[in-house]
Every structure is written in C-alpha cells, then in structure tokens.
Protein backbone atom coordinates (compact mmCIF):
# COMPACT_ATOMS: atom_id res chain seq x y z
CA ASP A 1 108.26 133.27 7.10
CA ALA A 2 106.16 136.04 5.53
CA LYS A 3 102.98 133.95 5.68
CA GLY A 4 102.94 134.13 9.45
CA PHE A 5 102.26 131.45 12.00
CA GLN A 6 99.64 130.27 14.42
CA LEU A 7 99.72 129.86 18.17
CA THR A 8 96.62 128.75 20.00
CA MET A 9 95.56 130.41 23.22
CA GLY A 10 92.12 129.15 24.08
CA SER A 11 89.90 130.53 21.33
CA LEU A 12 92.51 133.13 20.39
CA ALA A 13 94.96 132.39 17.57
CA GLU A 14 97.53 134.18 15.49
CA ASP A 15 96.47 135.64 12.18
CA ILE A 16 97.41 132.75 9.88
CA ASP A 17 98.34 134.83 6.83
CA GLY A 18 100.51 137.25 8.83
CA LYS A 19 98.57 140.33 7.74
CA SER A 20 98.06 141.66 11.25
CA VAL A 21 100.13 142.06 14.40
CA PRO A 22 100.34 138.57 15.98
CA VAL A 23 99.46 137.40 19.49
CA ILE A 24 101.95 135.34 21.50
CA ASP A 25 101.16 133.50 24.74
CA PHE A 26 104.17 133.72 27.06
CA SER A 27 102.88 130.88 29.26
CA GLN A 28 104.04 128.34 26.68
CA LYS A 29 107.47 126.68 26.62
CA ASP A 30 110.37 129.05 26.03
CA GLU A 31 111.53 127.46 22.77
CA LYS A 32 108.09 127.80 21.21
CA VAL A 33 107.68 131.39 22.40
CA ALA A 34 111.18 132.31 21.20
CA LYS A 35 110.48 131.04 17.69
CA ALA A 36 107.20 132.96 17.60
CA ILE A 37 108.92 136.15 18.73
CA ASP A 38 111.59 135.74 16.06
CA ARG A 39 108.95 135.48 13.32
CA ALA A 40 106.94 138.39 14.69
CA LEU A 41 109.94 140.71 14.88
CA ARG A 42 111.13 139.81 11.39
CA THR A 43 107.76 140.85 9.94
CA TRP A 44 105.77 143.31 12.04
CA GLY A 45 108.44 144.18 14.57
CA ALA A 46 105.73 143.82 17.22
CA PHE A 47 103.29 141.43 18.86
CA VAL A 48 100.61 141.26 21.55
CA CYS A 49 101.80 139.44 24.67
CA THR A 50 99.46 137.39 26.88
CA GLY A 51 100.32 135.04 29.73
CA HIS A 52 103.01 137.49 30.82
CA GLY A 53 102.84 137.10 34.60
CA VAL A 54 102.46 140.78 35.51
CA ASP A 55 99.83 141.20 38.24
CA ASP A 56 96.61 142.34 36.53
CA GLU A 57 95.17 143.82 39.73
CA LEU A 58 98.32 145.88 40.21
CA SER A 59 98.16 147.10 36.62
CA GLU A 60 94.52 148.09 36.97
CA ALA A 61 95.27 149.94 40.22
CA VAL A 62 98.09 151.84 38.50
CA PHE A 63 95.78 152.88 35.66
CA ALA A 64 93.07 153.94 38.12
CA GLU A 65 95.60 156.04 40.01
CA GLY A 66 96.82 157.56 36.75
CA LYS A 67 93.29 158.49 35.76
CA LYS A 68 92.86 160.23 39.11
CA PHE A 69 95.99 162.23 38.40
CA PHE A 70 94.77 163.54 35.04
CA GLU A 71 91.12 164.05 36.02
CA GLN A 72 91.11 164.93 39.73
CA VAL A 73 94.42 166.53 40.67
CA SER A 74 94.19 170.31 40.39
CA GLU A 75 95.73 172.14 37.47
CA GLU A 76 97.75 174.18 39.96
CA THR A 77 99.35 171.03 41.36
CA LYS A 78 100.02 169.59 37.92
CA GLN A 79 101.73 172.81 36.86
CA LYS A 80 104.01 172.55 39.89
CA LEU A 81 104.96 169.07 38.67
CA HIS A 82 105.50 170.30 35.10
CA ILE A 83 108.41 168.70 33.26
CA ARG A 84 109.92 172.13 32.59
CA HIS A 85 110.79 172.39 36.30
CA ASN A 86 112.72 169.12 36.42
CA GLY A 87 115.55 169.45 33.93
CA ALA A 88 117.37 166.57 32.32
CA ARG A 89 116.01 163.90 34.63
CA TRP A 90 112.99 164.12 32.29
CA ARG A 91 110.26 163.57 34.88
CA GLY A 92 106.95 165.26 35.52
CA TYR A 93 103.73 166.43 33.90
CA MET A 94 103.38 167.18 30.20
CA PRO A 95 100.15 168.98 29.15
CA ILE A 96 98.30 168.47 25.89
CA GLY A 97 100.23 170.16 23.12
CA GLY A 98 103.57 169.57 24.82
CA GLU A 99 104.53 166.97 22.25
CA ARG A 100 104.21 167.11 18.46
CA SER A 101 105.14 163.82 16.81
CA HIS A 102 104.26 164.92 13.25
CA GLY A 103 107.58 166.64 12.67
CA GLY A 104 106.49 169.49 14.91
CA LYS A 105 103.53 170.41 12.70
CA THR A 106 100.56 169.24 14.75
CA ARG A 107 99.99 168.61 18.41
CA ASP A 108 99.59 165.17 19.93
CA LEU A 109 96.16 164.85 21.51
CA LYS A 110 97.43 163.49 24.81
CA ALA A 111 98.70 164.61 28.19
CA GLY A 112 101.49 162.72 29.89
CA LEU A 113 103.27 161.86 33.07
CA TYR A 114 107.00 161.21 32.56
CA LEU A 115 108.34 158.51 34.88
CA GLY A 116 111.14 156.03 35.44
CA GLU A 117 112.74 154.07 38.21
CA ASP A 118 112.52 156.13 41.39
CA HIS A 119 116.22 156.80 41.95
CA ALA A 120 117.26 157.96 45.41
CA ALA A 121 118.91 161.34 45.85
CA ASP A 122 122.18 159.68 46.94
CA HIS A 123 122.48 157.56 43.78
CA PRO A 124 125.89 158.33 42.21
CA TYR A 125 124.37 159.20 38.82
CA VAL A 126 121.76 161.45 40.44
CA LYS A 127 124.48 163.26 42.38
CA GLN A 128 126.38 163.77 39.11
CA GLY A 129 123.26 165.26 37.49
CA LEU A 130 123.31 162.82 34.59
CA PRO A 131 120.36 162.89 32.17
CA LEU A 132 117.36 160.64 32.93
CA TRP A 133 118.50 159.89 36.48
CA GLY A 134 116.43 161.09 39.43
CA GLY A 135 113.29 160.57 41.46
CA ASN A 136 109.76 160.57 40.09
CA VAL A 137 107.76 163.77 40.41
CA LEU A 138 104.35 162.82 41.83
CA PRO A 139 101.53 164.46 43.87
CA ASP A 140 102.30 162.54 47.06
CA LYS A 141 99.87 164.54 49.20
CA GLU A 142 96.90 164.26 46.84
CA LEU A 143 97.61 160.65 45.77
CA PRO A 144 99.58 159.03 48.62
CA ASN A 145 99.42 155.52 47.11
CA MET A 146 100.64 156.50 43.67
CA ARG A 147 104.38 156.24 44.23
CA GLU A 148 104.25 152.79 45.83
CA LEU A 149 101.91 151.46 43.12
CA PHE A 150 103.99 152.84 40.27
CA ASN A 151 107.26 151.53 41.74
CA ALA A 152 105.79 148.03 42.15
CA TYR A 153 104.44 148.09 38.58
CA ILE A 154 107.73 149.29 37.10
CA LYS A 155 109.59 146.52 38.94
CA GLN A 156 107.29 143.80 37.56
CA VAL A 157 107.34 145.09 33.98
CA LYS A 158 111.12 145.36 34.09
CA GLN A 159 111.24 141.68 35.10
CA LEU A 160 109.02 140.90 32.10
CA GLY A 161 111.50 142.80 29.94
CA ASP A 162 114.34 140.72 31.37
CA ARG A 163 112.58 137.50 30.44
CA THR A 164 111.76 138.80 26.97
CA MET A 165 115.44 139.54 26.33
CA ASP A 166 116.25 135.91 27.16
CA LEU A 167 113.56 134.73 24.74
CA ILE A 168 114.87 137.02 22.01
CA SER A 169 118.39 135.68 22.55
CA ILE A 170 117.09 132.12 22.19
CA GLY A 171 115.17 133.07 19.05
CA LEU A 172 118.37 134.46 17.54
CA GLY A 173 120.16 131.17 18.20
CA LEU A 174 122.32 132.74 20.92
CA PRO A 175 122.90 131.68 24.53
CA GLU A 176 119.92 132.64 26.68
CA LYS A 177 121.64 135.44 28.62
CA THR A 178 123.43 137.06 25.65
CA ILE A 179 121.40 140.28 25.54
CA GLN A 180 121.29 140.65 29.31
CA ASP A 181 125.05 140.06 29.56
CA ARG A 182 126.08 142.27 26.63
CA ILE A 183 123.38 144.92 26.23
CA THR A 184 121.31 145.44 29.39
CA GLU A 185 124.06 144.14 31.69
CA ASN A 186 121.33 143.03 34.11
CA ASP A 187 120.52 146.69 34.78
CA ALA A 188 118.28 147.89 31.97
CA ILE A 189 117.31 151.56 31.97
CA SER A 190 113.57 152.02 32.48
CA ILE A 191 111.93 155.02 30.84
CA VAL A 192 108.19 155.06 31.52
CA ARG A 193 105.30 157.22 30.37
CA MET A 194 101.63 157.35 31.29
CA TRP A 195 99.56 158.86 28.50
CA TYR A 196 96.05 160.24 28.83
CA TYR A 197 94.21 160.59 25.52
CA PRO A 198 91.10 162.75 26.06
CA PRO A 199 87.88 162.07 24.14
CA GLN A 200 87.86 163.31 20.57
CA GLY A 201 86.55 166.86 20.22
CA SER A 202 86.84 167.60 23.94
CA VAL A 203 89.87 169.90 23.78
CA PRO A 204 90.04 173.21 21.83
CA HIS A 205 92.52 173.13 19.00
CA ALA A 206 94.97 176.05 18.99
CA GLU A 207 97.95 177.09 16.90
CA VAL A 208 98.29 173.95 14.84
CA LYS A 209 100.47 174.39 11.79
CA GLN A 210 98.74 173.40 8.57
CA GLY A 211 101.62 173.35 6.08
CA GLU A 212 103.16 175.75 3.63
CA GLY A 213 101.16 178.68 2.29
CA THR A 214 101.08 179.85 -1.32
CA LYS A 215 103.98 182.25 -0.71
CA GLY A 216 106.07 179.79 1.26
CA LYS A 217 104.93 181.10 4.63
CA GLN A 218 103.69 178.78 7.33
CA LYS A 219 99.93 178.79 7.80
CA THR A 220 98.69 178.67 11.36
CA GLU A 221 95.17 177.91 12.47
CA GLY A 222 93.84 180.02 15.30
CA VAL A 223 91.74 178.78 18.18
CA SER A 224 88.59 176.99 17.06
CA LYS A 225 85.83 175.31 19.01
CA HIS A 226 86.69 171.78 17.96
CA VAL A 227 88.58 170.02 15.21
CA ALA A 228 86.57 168.66 12.31
CA GLU A 229 88.57 165.44 12.00
CA LYS A 230 89.80 163.02 14.60
CA GLU A 231 93.23 163.83 16.02
CA TRP A 232 96.02 161.37 16.54
CA GLY A 233 97.10 160.97 20.14
CA ILE A 234 100.59 160.33 18.82
CA GLY A 235 101.59 160.38 15.18
CA ALA A 236 103.67 157.90 13.20
CA HIS A 237 107.07 157.29 14.79
CA SER A 238 109.52 154.55 15.63
CA ASP A 239 110.94 154.06 19.11
CA TYR A 240 114.50 155.15 19.72
CA GLY A 241 115.67 152.49 22.18
CA LEU A 242 115.88 148.73 22.57
CA TRP A 243 112.44 147.45 23.49
CA THR A 244 108.97 148.81 24.28
CA ILE A 245 106.30 147.21 26.48
CA ILE A 246 102.89 148.91 26.28
CA ARG A 247 99.77 148.41 28.36
CA THR A 248 96.58 150.17 27.32
CA ASP A 249 92.91 150.12 28.26
CA ALA A 250 91.36 150.49 24.80
CA GLU A 251 92.00 149.93 21.12
CA GLY A 252 93.68 152.61 19.04
CA LEU A 253 97.28 151.47 18.43
CA GLU A 254 98.37 150.78 14.83
CA PHE A 255 101.58 149.47 13.26
CA GLN A 256 102.76 149.95 9.69
CA HIS A 257 103.96 147.07 7.51
CA PRO A 258 105.73 147.82 4.19
CA GLU A 259 103.47 145.38 2.33
CA TYR A 260 100.18 145.47 4.23
CA GLY A 261 100.15 149.13 5.29
CA TRP A 262 98.65 150.28 8.59
CA SER A 263 97.03 147.61 10.74
CA LYS A 264 95.09 147.94 14.00
CA VAL A 265 96.64 146.03 16.88
CA PRO A 266 94.16 143.58 18.42
CA PHE A 267 93.06 144.88 21.81
CA ILE A 268 93.08 142.15 24.46
CA LYS A 269 92.37 143.14 28.04
CA ASN A 270 95.33 142.72 30.40
CA SER A 271 97.76 142.12 27.55
CA PHE A 272 100.91 144.03 26.61
CA VAL A 273 101.95 145.16 23.16
CA MET A 274 105.68 144.71 22.65
CA ASN A 275 107.80 146.13 19.84
CA ALA A 276 111.40 146.44 18.73
CA GLY A 277 113.09 149.83 18.90
CA ASP A 278 115.73 151.31 16.61
CA VAL A 279 118.56 149.96 18.76
CA LEU A 280 117.37 146.33 18.48
CA ASP A 281 116.97 146.83 14.73
CA ARG A 282 120.61 147.90 14.55
CA LEU A 283 121.87 145.27 17.00
CA THR A 284 120.41 142.54 14.77
CA GLY A 285 121.64 144.06 11.52
CA GLY A 286 118.07 144.70 10.38
CA ARG A 287 116.76 141.22 11.09
CA TYR A 288 114.28 142.64 13.61
CA LYS A 289 112.25 145.62 12.44
CA SER A 290 111.64 148.88 14.25
CA ARG A 291 108.32 149.71 12.62
CA PHE A 292 106.44 152.98 12.57
CA HIS A 293 103.37 153.06 14.78
CA ARG A 294 100.75 155.56 15.93
CA ALA A 295 97.82 155.76 18.35
CA MET A 296 94.42 157.44 18.56
CA ASN A 297 91.54 157.54 20.99
CA HIS A 298 88.59 156.73 18.74
CA SER A 299 86.01 157.56 21.40
CA SER A 300 84.31 160.93 21.73
CA LYS A 301 82.96 159.97 25.17
CA HIS A 302 85.72 158.21 27.09
CA PRO A 303 89.44 158.82 27.62
CA ARG A 304 92.05 156.27 26.59
CA MET A 305 94.97 155.41 28.87
CA SER A 306 98.28 153.96 27.79
CA MET A 307 101.52 153.21 29.63
CA PRO A 308 104.59 152.53 27.47
CA PHE A 309 107.63 151.12 29.25
CA PHE A 310 110.87 151.71 27.33
CA TYR A 311 113.27 148.94 28.31
CA ASP A 312 116.69 150.13 27.25
CA PRO A 313 120.35 149.04 27.40
CA SER A 314 122.33 149.77 30.53
CA TRP A 315 123.95 153.18 30.91
CA GLU A 316 127.46 151.84 30.18
CA ALA A 317 126.53 149.19 27.57
CA LYS A 318 128.71 149.11 24.45
CA MET A 319 126.71 149.33 21.23
CA MET A 320 127.91 146.37 19.16
CA THR A 321 126.01 144.23 16.67
CA LEU A 322 125.01 140.87 18.13
CA PRO A 323 126.97 137.82 16.88
CA ILE A 324 124.35 136.38 14.54
CA LEU A 325 125.15 135.08 11.06
CA SER A 326 124.76 137.87 8.51
CA THR A 327 123.62 135.33 5.92
CA THR A 328 120.45 134.77 7.95
CA VAL A 329 119.54 138.44 8.17
CA PRO A 330 116.68 139.40 5.84
CA THR A 331 116.06 143.10 5.29
CA ASP A 332 113.55 145.25 3.44
CA GLU A 333 115.64 148.41 3.80
CA THR A 334 118.94 149.21 2.15
CA THR A 335 121.82 150.43 4.28
CA GLU A 336 121.58 153.80 2.55
CA SER A 337 117.89 154.30 3.34
CA ARG A 338 118.37 153.15 6.94
CA ASN A 339 121.25 155.56 7.48
CA ALA A 340 119.20 158.38 5.96
CA ARG A 341 116.33 157.58 8.30
CA TRP A 342 118.51 157.52 11.40
CA GLY A 343 120.79 160.36 10.36
CA LYS A 344 118.29 163.00 11.53
CA THR A 345 117.34 162.50 15.17
CA LYS A 346 117.88 158.76 15.40
CA ILE A 347 120.94 156.54 15.65
CA THR A 348 124.04 158.07 14.08
CA CYS A 349 127.02 155.83 14.84
CA ASP A 350 128.49 152.52 13.77
CA PHE A 351 127.62 149.55 15.98
CA ASP A 352 131.24 148.56 16.51
CA GLY A 353 131.43 148.82 20.30
CA LYS A 354 133.12 152.23 20.37
CA VAL A 355 130.04 154.08 21.64
CA ARG A 356 128.20 153.42 24.88
CA TYR A 357 124.44 153.70 25.31
CA LYS A 358 124.77 156.67 27.66
CA GLU A 359 125.88 158.70 24.64
CA PHE A 360 122.69 157.81 22.77
CA LEU A 361 120.56 158.85 25.73
CA ALA A 362 122.56 162.02 26.18
CA LYS A 363 122.06 162.86 22.51
CA LYS A 364 118.35 162.24 22.78
CA VAL A 365 117.99 164.49 25.81
CA ALA A 366 120.32 167.09 24.29
CA ASN A 367 118.01 167.45 21.29
CA VAL A 368 115.34 168.71 23.69
CA PHE A 369 117.45 170.18 26.51
CA PRO A 370 120.75 171.21 24.83
CA ASP A 371 122.13 173.07 27.85
CA LEU A 372 121.60 170.26 30.34
CA VAL A 373 123.83 167.51 28.93
CA PRO A 374 127.59 167.24 29.61
CA LYS A 375 129.40 167.77 26.31
CA GLU A 376 131.82 164.94 27.03
CA LEU A 377 128.94 162.48 26.55
CA LEU A 378 128.52 163.54 22.93
CA VAL A 379 132.06 163.30 21.56
CA ASN A 380 131.67 159.94 19.78
CA LEU A 381 128.40 160.67 17.99
CA LYS A 382 128.35 161.94 14.43
CA SER A 383 127.06 165.50 14.13
CA THR A 384 124.10 164.64 11.92
CA SER A 385 121.26 165.20 14.35
CA ALA A 386 118.87 168.07 13.81
CA PRO A 387 117.10 169.77 16.73
CA SER A 388 114.08 167.83 17.90
CA THR A 389 110.68 169.20 16.87
CA ARG A 390 108.76 166.81 19.08
CA HIS A 391 108.63 168.85 22.28
CA ALA A 392 106.83 172.17 22.11
CA ILE A 393 107.85 173.10 25.65
CA ALA A 394 111.23 174.60 26.49
CA VAL A 395 112.93 173.33 29.62
CA PRO A 396 115.12 176.05 31.17
CA VAL A 397 118.54 175.42 32.63
CA THR A 398 118.48 175.14 36.40
CA THR A 399 121.86 175.52 38.09
CA LYS A 400 122.69 173.63 41.27
CA GLN A 401 122.60 176.91 43.18
CA GLU A 402 119.17 177.80 41.79
CA LYS A 403 117.88 174.32 42.54
CA ALA A 404 119.15 174.52 46.12
CA SER A 405 117.43 177.87 46.51
CA GLU A 406 114.16 176.43 45.15
CA ASP A 407 114.34 173.46 47.51
CA LYS A 408 114.56 175.81 50.48
C-alpha cells in the first residue's frame, strides 16, 4: 500500500511511511522478498537491494579497473576506443559531453565506457551485423585484467537479474518462471555502462545551450573556467528497457515520486539499486512504475563511479502484456498521458505480441545511428519517434569493406 512497509536487516529497515526508496534484503525467503518487491515497484518503481549474492571483491576490483581506465589510460588510447569507431554494436569510450540527457540542452557531467556481453566474432548475430551485438572494446594491452574481470562481473549480475525476474513473477501472482519463459527466454540481453562522474567544477564548461533568447534564437554559452552551479551527471530520465541493476560507490542517485517529489536513494556500500524500465511498466499494464531518476556527483574533490546493468528481454521476445488481472492494476497515469510520454523516443506499439523486442532495440539504436540499422527491423513500429537528442556525437557508417580495410 501507499504507506510503505518495513523489512529488517540488522539495524537497517525500510522507511515505514514509504516516503523514500525502500531497502530489500534478498537473503530472506522468496515469498517475503517478492511481496516487498511488488510494493516497491507499485510506488517508487525502485529499491535498494542487499544480500544479493554478487561477489563484493569482484565488484570492487571491477570498479578499481574502471577508475584506472578513466584516470590512467592515455587520451590517445581512449580516442582509439571511441564509440564513434564501433558502429551499431554500441561499444567503446564516450567522453564528457557525449551525452545530453536534458533534451539535448545541457551536457551530462560524466564520461562512459559502453559495454555488454563479450560476443565472439563468430556469433551468428555478430556476423549479421545486428545492432548491440559484438565484442567489448577495451585497452587490453594497458589493462590486461579488465576484460576477464568485466566478463565475470557481467555474468554474476545477469544471474542476479534472472533471480529477480523470478521474484517479480511470484510477486505478480504468476508462476515463478513466467518472465524468464515469456520475456527474457532465459537469454536476457545485457547492456552495460560504466560511468565516471568527475568532481564538480573540475571540467571546463563549453557550448551548453541555455534556452531560448528574446528573439527566439538559441543562446549558447561559450567556454568558461567553471560552472557556477553543480552539474547533473545525468539528468531526469526513465529507462527504456525491462530492468536496471545499478552499483555505485557514492551517493548521488535520486528518484522522483508523483506525491513526494525527488528523493535521494540511500547509499549502502556493496548494494545494488534496482528499478523498473518502461518495458516492465507496459508489460504490467502500469502496475509497476518506470520512474524518472537522475544522478549527480556532489563532491568537488572525488570522482563518483556508477555501473548500470540494463537487463532486457531476449532479442526475439514477443512484447505482450503479462497475464495479470487488470482489476488489480493501480495506475497514477492515464493511458493518454502514458502514450504521449512514450510517443516521442520511447515505446510506440501495442503490447499485443505482434512486435518483438529486437524491433525496440533497433529503433533505439536507429535514433542515434539511423544508417546502421536494417530497415526490416522497423516495419512494425509506429512512426512517432523523433530523432534522439541525447547523444552529441555522430557515429559514421562503416561498411564491411571499410571495416576489413581498417582491421588490416
């Protein structure tokens, strides 16, 4: 219910009145955890997960390796790994200013490393050149342990995602394997990012749009020494896919509730923040909320690291609303407002099983890389999506012949 709930975990307990993002201990019995997840997703659309079973030492080693990448690897090497060189597989380095989550108006104060499962070159989807399929782009010479560490971490977090889907199914009153059988098909797509949020005021601020001028022209700020106000590492947004699993090393993440406004997520070392994406919102008919969230590094002395893991439906999964009773589905958004929200760059089709998830992913990539996505993947999506303003970096088309020449 809206008043929230309480789960004890040593001295740590849920916020009793439900006015902040709750904490759920996954080491408890499945039925209890499932009920807690159901309540959390109906209100905040998110929770902090403890007792998750992911190796803390492995996670810390991954973050240490990531910090080396951003702080010690040469700029020359990072530019060679730049995302613009890697096409629709969407892997590689993204510098500060490469993403603008405020509708394209202001930069995100973060650099990133785009990752995923490390697909082999002979994988059928890689050979077909399908979007989001390929190997990770890493500095293997400078950081020889990075690939093995990242692959081990991604494997463990994906297993956590598998278990969470079973718990969500139970919480919905469905058979335990419903989501894995119908939506992830035991082969969830893993889209991973490592974000590096530099200290506030440490990076010059250039060419940030400030809004409309008096004559309707766009004002643009030139290069200044530092910004006067703190910058958001990533502005308010909801996640496109099914489920997000986030590990971070400092506070700074906030979620928005329609009644309570913005709330800081409790930072608990070695925990994960989990939240519903737009697809889960639609799959449950609005029962589970895909809430807006944002993040900032509040420190002017230390960087903040974050690693979101986007656990998505399988490539061939049919998008169809889960078989839950509509009479049990509470909603704080009308169908009209939800369709308006997702009719821009979000979900644009009916959840009737006629569209597969690969078409959603293709549409997402096509908004950024329009020349890299096979047109046959887009035929069933309504033509209501506007070009994405999030990425400030253009990714050129690389033909197979050009790629072969580069590899030589």
